[in-house]
Amino acid sequence: MRLNIACAMRDPNRAGVLLESLGRNGYTTTIVQRAKELSVLFAQKPCDLLLVGQQLADADGLEMVKTLRGRGPTKAMAIVALLDHQPQSPAEIPGVRRLPAGFGAPALRPNAPTGPGQAPAVKQNPRILFFQAGADECLTLDQDVAECVARIKAVLHRTMSKPQEEVLKMGPIELNLTSYTLHVSGKNVPLTSKELDLLYVFLSSPNRVLSRPYLIERVWGYNYFGSPRTVDVHVRRLREKLDKAARFITTVPCVGYKLIPPGSI
């Protein structure tokens, strides 16, 4: 079985040698440059691992990792960050400072304001930031390709060995977060990625009133600046696909929506 790897970065040509090597090792690789394209890709087919650069054409790679880790269908997906380069000396390594002249002077706090005669504020190591955001591994574009492939295989081995399916059930609704699929009364119901994310939020928050701004933040991200009414459009489409099970999602006038489990109605 060929595993699917997605690569999302502003300039994928910089990772061309690595992507070619992954292809020779039996992986199917799909390249996107925008976050919007990645959402479409996730809706079309499952992804076993995501390679994400520090920058995409329309988004920041670090913020994308945080967003994906906060969503139901993608929070368990393997993610490997591709960083620009590997610092070679302590002076180049973000987060590492040399002792200032005049040992014993007050220590400079990271990111503290600077003034005359003070050292510049220390930037955090991007590796640490990506690991804190939820990345499984961090590689660099100047790293040995064979080592990169070996590390990617190790990540896939850890994340795919003896997979445990995560399923949310409520009445006739069965949302499988591992296979990214929905079944209603045993029948497979195709949903878009946004519809799956929206249903996940509903199922994980039963009997709770969910405002439109809250749903926007959970499903579209905090940096979404479109109309809150997009929530109404997606809820309407979700209800149409849920058929009779749509009765569990109720409208709260002037606020948003609420999922009421069977037996509570």
C-alpha atoms as a PDB file:
ATOM      1  CA  MET A   1       0.000   0.000   0.000  1.00  0.00           C
ATOM      2  CA  ARG A   2       1.432   3.358  -1.059  1.00  0.00           C
ATOM      3  CA  LEU A   3       1.290   5.980   1.651  1.00  0.00           C
ATOM      4  CA  ASN A   4       0.212   9.529   0.853  1.00  0.00           C
ATOM      5  CA  ILE A   5       2.453  12.441   1.801  1.00  0.00           C
ATOM      6  CA  ALA A   6       1.450  16.068   1.299  1.00  0.00           C
ATOM      7  CA  CYS A   7       4.063  18.827   1.055  1.00  0.00           C
ATOM      8  CA  ALA A   8       2.886  22.363   1.807  1.00  0.00           C
ATOM      9  CA  MET A   9       5.396  25.180   1.352  1.00  0.00           C
ATOM     10  CA  ARG A  10       5.785  28.448  -0.530  1.00  0.00           C
ATOM     11  CA  ASP A  11       8.701  27.228  -2.669  1.00  0.00           C
ATOM     12  CA  PRO A  12       8.470  23.415  -3.009  1.00  0.00           C
ATOM     13  CA  ASN A  13      11.393  23.378  -5.464  1.00  0.00           C
ATOM     14  CA  ARG A  14      13.708  23.843  -2.480  1.00  0.00           C
ATOM     15  CA  ALA A  15      12.635  20.387  -1.260  1.00  0.00           C
ATOM     16  CA  GLY A  16      12.742  18.834  -4.740  1.00  0.00           C
ATOM     17  CA  VAL A  17      15.543  16.350  -4.012  1.00  0.00           C
ATOM     18  CA  LEU A  18      13.788  15.124  -0.862  1.00  0.00           C
ATOM     19  CA  LEU A  19      10.434  14.756  -2.634  1.00  0.00           C
ATOM     20  CA  GLU A  20      12.043  12.812  -5.479  1.00  0.00           C
ATOM     21  CA  SER A  21      13.701  10.500  -2.956  1.00  0.00           C
ATOM     22  CA  LEU A  22      10.371   9.901  -1.206  1.00  0.00           C
ATOM     23  CA  GLY A  23       8.843   8.964  -4.557  1.00  0.00           C
ATOM     24  CA  ARG A  24      11.611   6.461  -5.196  1.00  0.00           C
ATOM     25  CA  ASN A  25      10.925   4.962  -1.761  1.00  0.00           C
ATOM     26  CA  GLY A  26       7.329   4.198  -2.688  1.00  0.00           C
ATOM     27  CA  TYR A  27       5.490   7.226  -1.316  1.00  0.00           C
ATOM     28  CA  THR A  28       2.894   9.220  -3.214  1.00  0.00           C
ATOM     29  CA  THR A  29       3.643  12.915  -2.781  1.00  0.00           C
ATOM     30  CA  THR A  30       1.280  15.803  -3.500  1.00  0.00           C
ATOM     31  CA  ILE A  31       2.562  19.384  -3.500  1.00  0.00           C
ATOM     32  CA  VAL A  32       0.555  22.470  -2.551  1.00  0.00           C
ATOM     33  CA  GLN A  33       1.666  26.032  -1.925  1.00  0.00           C
ATOM     34  CA  ARG A  34      -1.404  27.464  -0.182  1.00  0.00           C
ATOM     35  CA  ALA A  35      -3.352  26.565   2.936  1.00  0.00           C
ATOM     36  CA  LYS A  36      -6.585  26.688   0.937  1.00  0.00           C
ATOM     37  CA  GLU A  37      -5.225  24.083  -1.479  1.00  0.00           C
ATOM     38  CA  LEU A  38      -4.274  21.868   1.466  1.00  0.00           C
ATOM     39  CA  SER A  39      -7.843  21.985   2.832  1.00  0.00           C
ATOM     40  CA  VAL A  40      -9.147  20.884  -0.579  1.00  0.00           C
ATOM     41  CA  LEU A  41      -6.594  18.070  -0.684  1.00  0.00           C
ATOM     42  CA  PHE A  42      -7.625  16.791   2.763  1.00  0.00           C
ATOM     43  CA  ALA A  43     -11.257  16.750   1.620  1.00  0.00           C
ATOM     44  CA  GLN A  44     -10.387  14.703  -1.473  1.00  0.00           C
ATOM     45  CA  LYS A  45      -8.187  11.954  -0.037  1.00  0.00           C
ATOM     46  CA  PRO A  46      -6.597  10.836   3.245  1.00  0.00           C
ATOM     47  CA  CYS A  47      -3.100  12.046   4.087  1.00  0.00           C
ATOM     48  CA  ASP A  48      -0.675   9.900   6.091  1.00  0.00           C
ATOM     49  CA  LEU A  49       1.932  12.604   6.680  1.00  0.00           C
ATOM     50  CA  LEU A  50       2.289  16.331   6.087  1.00  0.00           C
ATOM     51  CA  LEU A  51       5.572  18.047   5.273  1.00  0.00           C
ATOM     52  CA  VAL A  52       5.102  21.737   6.075  1.00  0.00           C
ATOM     53  CA  GLY A  53       7.511  24.576   5.403  1.00  0.00           C
ATOM     54  CA  GLN A  54       8.009  27.608   7.589  1.00  0.00           C
ATOM     55  CA  GLN A  55       6.055  29.699   5.092  1.00  0.00           C
ATOM     56  CA  LEU A  56       3.250  28.993   2.634  1.00  0.00           C
ATOM     57  CA  ALA A  57       2.097  31.386  -0.063  1.00  0.00           C
ATOM     58  CA  ASP A  58      -0.887  32.469   2.043  1.00  0.00           C
ATOM     59  CA  ALA A  59      -0.116  31.316   5.594  1.00  0.00           C
ATOM     60  CA  ASP A  60       2.525  30.813   8.254  1.00  0.00           C
ATOM     61  CA  GLY A  61       3.659  27.209   8.643  1.00  0.00           C
ATOM     62  CA  LEU A  62       3.800  27.341  12.433  1.00  0.00           C
ATOM     63  CA  GLU A  63       0.261  28.702  12.699  1.00  0.00           C
ATOM     64  CA  MET A  64      -0.937  26.020  10.293  1.00  0.00           C
ATOM     65  CA  VAL A  65       0.479  23.269  12.530  1.00  0.00           C
ATOM     66  CA  LYS A  66      -1.309  24.779  15.531  1.00  0.00           C
ATOM     67  CA  THR A  67      -4.578  24.917  13.577  1.00  0.00           C
ATOM     68  CA  LEU A  68      -4.318  21.330  12.328  1.00  0.00           C
ATOM     69  CA  ARG A  69      -3.509  20.025  15.807  1.00  0.00           C
ATOM     70  CA  GLY A  70      -6.622  21.734  17.170  1.00  0.00           C
ATOM     71  CA  ARG A  71      -9.028  20.079  14.731  1.00  0.00           C
ATOM     72  CA  GLY A  72     -10.579  16.651  15.125  1.00  0.00           C
ATOM     73  CA  PRO A  73      -9.844  14.962  11.776  1.00  0.00           C
ATOM     74  CA  THR A  74      -6.242  16.214  11.534  1.00  0.00           C
ATOM     75  CA  LYS A  75      -5.095  16.380  15.137  1.00  0.00           C
ATOM     76  CA  ALA A  76      -3.545  12.878  15.004  1.00  0.00           C
ATOM     77  CA  MET A  77      -1.971  13.214  11.546  1.00  0.00           C
ATOM     78  CA  ALA A  78       1.818  12.907  11.331  1.00  0.00           C
ATOM     79  CA  ILE A  79       3.443  16.313  10.725  1.00  0.00           C
ATOM     80  CA  VAL A  80       7.082  16.984   9.850  1.00  0.00           C
ATOM     81  CA  ALA A  81       8.347  20.578   9.672  1.00  0.00           C
ATOM     82  CA  LEU A  82      10.864  21.554   6.979  1.00  0.00           C
ATOM     83  CA  LEU A  83      13.037  24.367   8.313  1.00  0.00           C
ATOM     84  CA  ASP A  84      15.166  26.650   6.171  1.00  0.00           C
ATOM     85  CA  HIS A  85      18.640  25.669   7.356  1.00  0.00           C
ATOM     86  CA  GLN A  86      20.622  24.116  10.173  1.00  0.00           C
ATOM     87  CA  PRO A  87      22.562  26.667  12.261  1.00  0.00           C
ATOM     88  CA  GLN A  88      26.237  25.770  12.348  1.00  0.00           C
ATOM     89  CA  SER A  89      27.631  27.854  15.178  1.00  0.00           C
ATOM     90  CA  PRO A  90      26.348  28.966  18.595  1.00  0.00           C
ATOM     91  CA  ALA A  91      26.170  32.538  17.327  1.00  0.00           C
ATOM     92  CA  GLU A  92      23.692  31.426  14.631  1.00  0.00           C
ATOM     93  CA  ILE A  93      21.464  29.357  16.889  1.00  0.00           C
ATOM     94  CA  PRO A  94      18.314  31.242  17.958  1.00  0.00           C
ATOM     95  CA  GLY A  95      17.891  30.998  21.711  1.00  0.00           C
ATOM     96  CA  VAL A  96      21.637  30.746  22.448  1.00  0.00           C
ATOM     97  CA  ARG A  97      23.444  33.803  23.800  1.00  0.00           C
ATOM     98  CA  ARG A  98      27.078  34.509  24.390  1.00  0.00           C
ATOM     99  CA  LEU A  99      28.007  35.972  27.763  1.00  0.00           C
ATOM    100  CA  PRO A 100      27.977  39.751  27.503  1.00  0.00           C
ATOM    101  CA  ALA A 101      30.994  41.856  28.292  1.00  0.00           C
ATOM    102  CA  GLY A 102      31.008  42.659  31.963  1.00  0.00           C
ATOM    103  CA  PHE A 103      30.052  39.307  33.445  1.00  0.00           C
ATOM    104  CA  GLY A 104      27.533  39.731  36.258  1.00  0.00           C
ATOM    105  CA  ALA A 105      25.485  42.417  34.542  1.00  0.00           C
ATOM    106  CA  PRO A 106      21.692  41.956  34.793  1.00  0.00           C
ATOM    107  CA  ALA A 107      20.583  39.150  32.522  1.00  0.00           C
ATOM    108  CA  LEU A 108      18.590  40.121  29.465  1.00  0.00           C
ATOM    109  CA  ARG A 109      15.160  38.554  29.370  1.00  0.00           C
ATOM    110  CA  PRO A 110      14.184  36.857  26.085  1.00  0.00           C
ATOM    111  CA  ASN A 111      12.171  39.213  23.867  1.00  0.00           C
ATOM    112  CA  ALA A 112      12.701  42.065  26.347  1.00  0.00           C
ATOM    113  CA  PRO A 113      12.894  45.638  24.964  1.00  0.00           C
ATOM    114  CA  THR A 114      16.406  46.718  24.095  1.00  0.00           C
ATOM    115  CA  GLY A 115      18.161  50.008  24.606  1.00  0.00           C
ATOM    116  CA  PRO A 116      21.548  51.603  23.989  1.00  0.00           C
ATOM    117  CA  GLY A 117      24.354  49.198  24.791  1.00  0.00           C
ATOM    118  CA  GLN A 118      22.006  46.222  25.238  1.00  0.00           C
ATOM    119  CA  ALA A 119      22.138  43.016  23.217  1.00  0.00           C
ATOM    120  CA  PRO A 120      19.197  42.433  20.852  1.00  0.00           C
ATOM    121  CA  ALA A 121      16.245  40.397  22.087  1.00  0.00           C
ATOM    122  CA  VAL A 122      16.673  36.663  21.706  1.00  0.00           C
ATOM    123  CA  LYS A 123      14.456  34.896  19.195  1.00  0.00           C
ATOM    124  CA  GLN A 124      13.135  31.466  20.008  1.00  0.00           C
ATOM    125  CA  ASN A 125      14.472  28.404  18.247  1.00  0.00           C
ATOM    126  CA  PRO A 126      12.081  27.493  15.373  1.00  0.00           C
ATOM    127  CA  ARG A 127      12.596  23.793  16.134  1.00  0.00           C
ATOM    128  CA  ILE A 128      11.276  24.294  19.640  1.00  0.00           C
ATOM    129  CA  LEU A 129       8.353  26.356  18.380  1.00  0.00           C
ATOM    130  CA  PHE A 130       7.304  23.685  15.865  1.00  0.00           C
ATOM    131  CA  PHE A 131       7.644  20.888  18.420  1.00  0.00           C
ATOM    132  CA  GLN A 132       5.576  22.917  20.896  1.00  0.00           C
ATOM    133  CA  ALA A 133       2.939  23.431  18.187  1.00  0.00           C
ATOM    134  CA  GLY A 134       2.639  19.656  17.717  1.00  0.00           C
ATOM    135  CA  ALA A 135       5.092  18.670  14.976  1.00  0.00           C
ATOM    136  CA  ASP A 136       6.351  15.078  15.207  1.00  0.00           C
ATOM    137  CA  GLU A 137       9.737  15.872  13.666  1.00  0.00           C
ATOM    138  CA  CYS A 138      11.754  18.848  12.398  1.00  0.00           C
ATOM    139  CA  LEU A 139      14.075  18.549   9.401  1.00  0.00           C
ATOM    140  CA  THR A 140      16.139  21.128   7.546  1.00  0.00           C
ATOM    141  CA  LEU A 141      16.456  21.737   3.817  1.00  0.00           C
ATOM    142  CA  ASP A 142      20.254  21.375   3.983  1.00  0.00           C
ATOM    143  CA  GLN A 143      20.098  18.077   5.879  1.00  0.00           C
ATOM    144  CA  ASP A 144      21.277  14.802   4.362  1.00  0.00           C
ATOM    145  CA  VAL A 145      18.444  13.446   2.190  1.00  0.00           C
ATOM    146  CA  ALA A 146      18.958   9.831   3.254  1.00  0.00           C
ATOM    147  CA  GLU A 147      18.703  10.867   6.896  1.00  0.00           C
ATOM    148  CA  CYS A 148      15.547  12.882   6.174  1.00  0.00           C
ATOM    149  CA  VAL A 149      13.885   9.900   4.496  1.00  0.00           C
ATOM    150  CA  ALA A 150      14.878   7.647   7.398  1.00  0.00           C
ATOM    151  CA  ARG A 151      13.428  10.097   9.920  1.00  0.00           C
ATOM    152  CA  ILE A 152      10.183  10.398   7.931  1.00  0.00           C
ATOM    153  CA  LYS A 153       9.904   6.593   7.842  1.00  0.00           C
ATOM    154  CA  ALA A 154      10.433   6.507  11.606  1.00  0.00           C
ATOM    155  CA  VAL A 155       7.634   9.058  12.123  1.00  0.00           C
ATOM    156  CA  LEU A 156       5.278   7.033   9.931  1.00  0.00           C
ATOM    157  CA  HIS A 157       6.204   3.852  11.802  1.00  0.00           C
ATOM    158  CA  ARG A 158       5.406   5.491  15.153  1.00  0.00           C
ATOM    159  CA  THR A 159       2.149   7.048  14.037  1.00  0.00           C
ATOM    160  CA  MET A 160       0.800   4.175  11.951  1.00  0.00           C
ATOM    161  CA  SER A 161       1.847   1.096  13.940  1.00  0.00           C
ATOM    162  CA  LYS A 162      -1.182  -0.472  15.583  1.00  0.00           C
ATOM    163  CA  PRO A 163      -3.462   2.479  14.845  1.00  0.00           C
ATOM    164  CA  GLN A 164      -6.321   2.989  17.254  1.00  0.00           C
ATOM    165  CA  GLU A 165      -9.408   4.361  15.585  1.00  0.00           C
ATOM    166  CA  GLU A 166     -10.954   7.378  17.226  1.00  0.00           C
ATOM    167  CA  VAL A 167     -14.708   7.373  16.754  1.00  0.00           C
ATOM    168  CA  LEU A 168     -17.349   9.762  18.043  1.00  0.00           C
ATOM    169  CA  LYS A 169     -20.851   8.276  18.239  1.00  0.00           C
ATOM    170  CA  MET A 170     -24.196   9.848  18.951  1.00  0.00           C
ATOM    171  CA  GLY A 171     -27.396   8.033  18.080  1.00  0.00           C
ATOM    172  CA  PRO A 172     -27.224   7.069  14.376  1.00  0.00           C
ATOM    173  CA  ILE A 173     -24.205   9.339  13.805  1.00  0.00           C
ATOM    174  CA  GLU A 174     -20.728   7.758  13.751  1.00  0.00           C
ATOM    175  CA  LEU A 175     -17.791  10.059  12.959  1.00  0.00           C
ATOM    176  CA  ASN A 176     -14.487   8.235  12.436  1.00  0.00           C
ATOM    177  CA  LEU A 177     -11.636  10.684  13.013  1.00  0.00           C
ATOM    178  CA  THR A 178      -9.029   8.163  11.899  1.00  0.00           C
ATOM    179  CA  SER A 179     -10.444   7.423   8.450  1.00  0.00           C
ATOM    180  CA  TYR A 180     -12.015  10.872   8.084  1.00  0.00           C
ATOM    181  CA  THR A 181     -15.431   9.348   7.358  1.00  0.00           C
ATOM    182  CA  LEU A 182     -19.023   9.718   8.541  1.00  0.00           C
ATOM    183  CA  HIS A 183     -21.704   7.043   8.772  1.00  0.00           C
ATOM    184  CA  VAL A 184     -25.335   7.788   9.547  1.00  0.00           C
ATOM    185  CA  SER A 185     -27.484   4.726  10.334  1.00  0.00           C
ATOM    186  CA  GLY A 186     -24.697   2.605   8.811  1.00  0.00           C
ATOM    187  CA  LYS A 187     -24.648   4.535   5.535  1.00  0.00           C
ATOM    188  CA  ASN A 188     -21.529   6.365   4.408  1.00  0.00           C
ATOM    189  CA  VAL A 189     -22.130  10.107   4.056  1.00  0.00           C
ATOM    190  CA  PRO A 190     -19.472  12.147   2.199  1.00  0.00           C
ATOM    191  CA  LEU A 191     -18.596  15.484   3.821  1.00  0.00           C
ATOM    192  CA  THR A 192     -16.162  18.275   3.025  1.00  0.00           C
ATOM    193  CA  SER A 193     -13.302  18.950   5.447  1.00  0.00           C
ATOM    194  CA  LYS A 194     -15.097  21.985   6.910  1.00  0.00           C
ATOM    195  CA  GLU A 195     -18.311  19.991   7.386  1.00  0.00           C
ATOM    196  CA  LEU A 196     -16.355  17.238   9.150  1.00  0.00           C
ATOM    197  CA  ASP A 197     -14.652  19.781  11.394  1.00  0.00           C
ATOM    198  CA  LEU A 198     -17.999  21.413  12.157  1.00  0.00           C
ATOM    199  CA  LEU A 199     -19.633  18.103  13.020  1.00  0.00           C
ATOM    200  CA  TYR A 200     -16.671  17.214  15.238  1.00  0.00           C
ATOM    201  CA  VAL A 201     -17.127  20.415  17.229  1.00  0.00           C
ATOM    202  CA  PHE A 202     -20.846  19.682  17.660  1.00  0.00           C
ATOM    203  CA  LEU A 203     -20.296  16.073  18.739  1.00  0.00           C
ATOM    204  CA  SER A 204     -17.567  17.019  21.210  1.00  0.00           C
ATOM    205  CA  SER A 205     -19.728  19.729  22.807  1.00  0.00           C
ATOM    206  CA  PRO A 206     -23.210  18.219  23.380  1.00  0.00           C
ATOM    207  CA  ASN A 207     -25.868  20.337  25.098  1.00  0.00           C
ATOM    208  CA  ARG A 208     -23.667  23.411  24.797  1.00  0.00           C
ATOM    209  CA  VAL A 209     -24.696  26.582  22.987  1.00  0.00           C
ATOM    210  CA  LEU A 210     -22.019  27.313  20.366  1.00  0.00           C
ATOM    211  CA  SER A 211     -21.931  30.872  19.078  1.00  0.00           C
ATOM    212  CA  ARG A 212     -21.048  31.713  15.494  1.00  0.00           C
ATOM    213  CA  PRO A 213     -17.763  33.419  16.497  1.00  0.00           C
ATOM    214  CA  TYR A 214     -16.786  30.336  18.520  1.00  0.00           C
ATOM    215  CA  LEU A 215     -17.500  28.027  15.568  1.00  0.00           C
ATOM    216  CA  ILE A 216     -15.570  30.341  13.246  1.00  0.00           C
ATOM    217  CA  GLU A 217     -12.523  30.150  15.517  1.00  0.00           C
ATOM    218  CA  ARG A 218     -12.712  26.347  15.943  1.00  0.00           C
ATOM    219  CA  VAL A 219     -13.335  25.468  12.281  1.00  0.00           C
ATOM    220  CA  TRP A 220     -11.910  28.334  10.187  1.00  0.00           C
ATOM    221  CA  GLY A 221      -9.249  29.656  12.574  1.00  0.00           C
ATOM    222  CA  TYR A 222      -8.845  32.852  14.506  1.00  0.00           C
ATOM    223  CA  ASN A 223      -7.415  34.706  11.456  1.00  0.00           C
ATOM    224  CA  TYR A 224     -10.584  34.208   9.375  1.00  0.00           C
ATOM    225  CA  PHE A 225     -12.092  37.555   8.392  1.00  0.00           C
ATOM    226  CA  GLY A 226     -15.104  36.451   6.312  1.00  0.00           C
ATOM    227  CA  SER A 227     -18.762  36.748   7.206  1.00  0.00           C
ATOM    228  CA  PRO A 228     -20.005  34.834  10.279  1.00  0.00           C
ATOM    229  CA  ARG A 229     -22.935  33.800   8.088  1.00  0.00           C
ATOM    230  CA  THR A 230     -20.660  31.253   6.429  1.00  0.00           C
ATOM    231  CA  VAL A 231     -21.405  29.161   9.529  1.00  0.00           C
ATOM    232  CA  ASP A 232     -25.114  29.165   8.660  1.00  0.00           C
ATOM    233  CA  VAL A 233     -24.355  28.021   5.105  1.00  0.00           C
ATOM    234  CA  HIS A 234     -22.205  25.108   6.279  1.00  0.00           C
ATOM    235  CA  VAL A 235     -24.683  24.095   8.996  1.00  0.00           C
ATOM    236  CA  ARG A 236     -27.474  24.060   6.413  1.00  0.00           C
ATOM    237  CA  ARG A 237     -25.436  21.808   4.102  1.00  0.00           C
ATOM    238  CA  LEU A 238     -24.464  19.571   7.013  1.00  0.00           C
ATOM    239  CA  ARG A 239     -28.099  19.198   8.040  1.00  0.00           C
ATOM    240  CA  GLU A 240     -29.063  18.252   4.496  1.00  0.00           C
ATOM    241  CA  LYS A 241     -26.489  15.466   4.485  1.00  0.00           C
ATOM    242  CA  LEU A 242     -27.416  14.207   7.968  1.00  0.00           C
ATOM    243  CA  ASP A 243     -31.017  13.752   6.808  1.00  0.00           C
ATOM    244  CA  LYS A 244     -33.209  12.701   9.778  1.00  0.00           C
ATOM    245  CA  ALA A 245     -30.271  12.974  12.194  1.00  0.00           C
ATOM    246  CA  ALA A 246     -30.206  16.716  11.468  1.00  0.00           C
ATOM    247  CA  ARG A 247     -32.901  17.176  14.131  1.00  0.00           C
ATOM    248  CA  PHE A 248     -30.206  16.906  16.802  1.00  0.00           C
ATOM    249  CA  ILE A 249     -28.627  20.218  15.688  1.00  0.00           C
ATOM    250  CA  THR A 250     -30.922  22.988  16.870  1.00  0.00           C
ATOM    251  CA  THR A 251     -30.758  26.717  16.170  1.00  0.00           C
ATOM    252  CA  VAL A 252     -30.394  29.127  19.081  1.00  0.00           C
ATOM    253  CA  PRO A 253     -31.876  32.422  17.796  1.00  0.00           C
ATOM    254  CA  CYS A 254     -29.458  35.373  17.644  1.00  0.00           C
ATOM    255  CA  VAL A 255     -26.621  33.249  19.070  1.00  0.00           C
ATOM    256  CA  GLY A 256     -25.700  30.107  17.151  1.00  0.00           C
ATOM    257  CA  TYR A 257     -26.379  26.388  17.443  1.00  0.00           C
ATOM    258  CA  LYS A 258     -26.647  23.577  19.946  1.00  0.00           C
ATOM    259  CA  LEU A 259     -26.402  19.810  19.557  1.00  0.00           C
ATOM    260  CA  ILE A 260     -28.953  17.943  21.688  1.00  0.00           C
ATOM    261  CA  PRO A 261     -28.267  14.171  21.942  1.00  0.00           C
ATOM    262  CA  PRO A 262     -31.067  11.588  21.550  1.00  0.00           C
ATOM    263  CA  GLY A 263     -33.148  11.277  24.714  1.00  0.00           C
ATOM    264  CA  SER A 264     -32.624  14.914  25.593  1.00  0.00           C
ATOM    265  CA  ILE A 265     -35.110  16.223  23.076  1.00  0.00           C
END
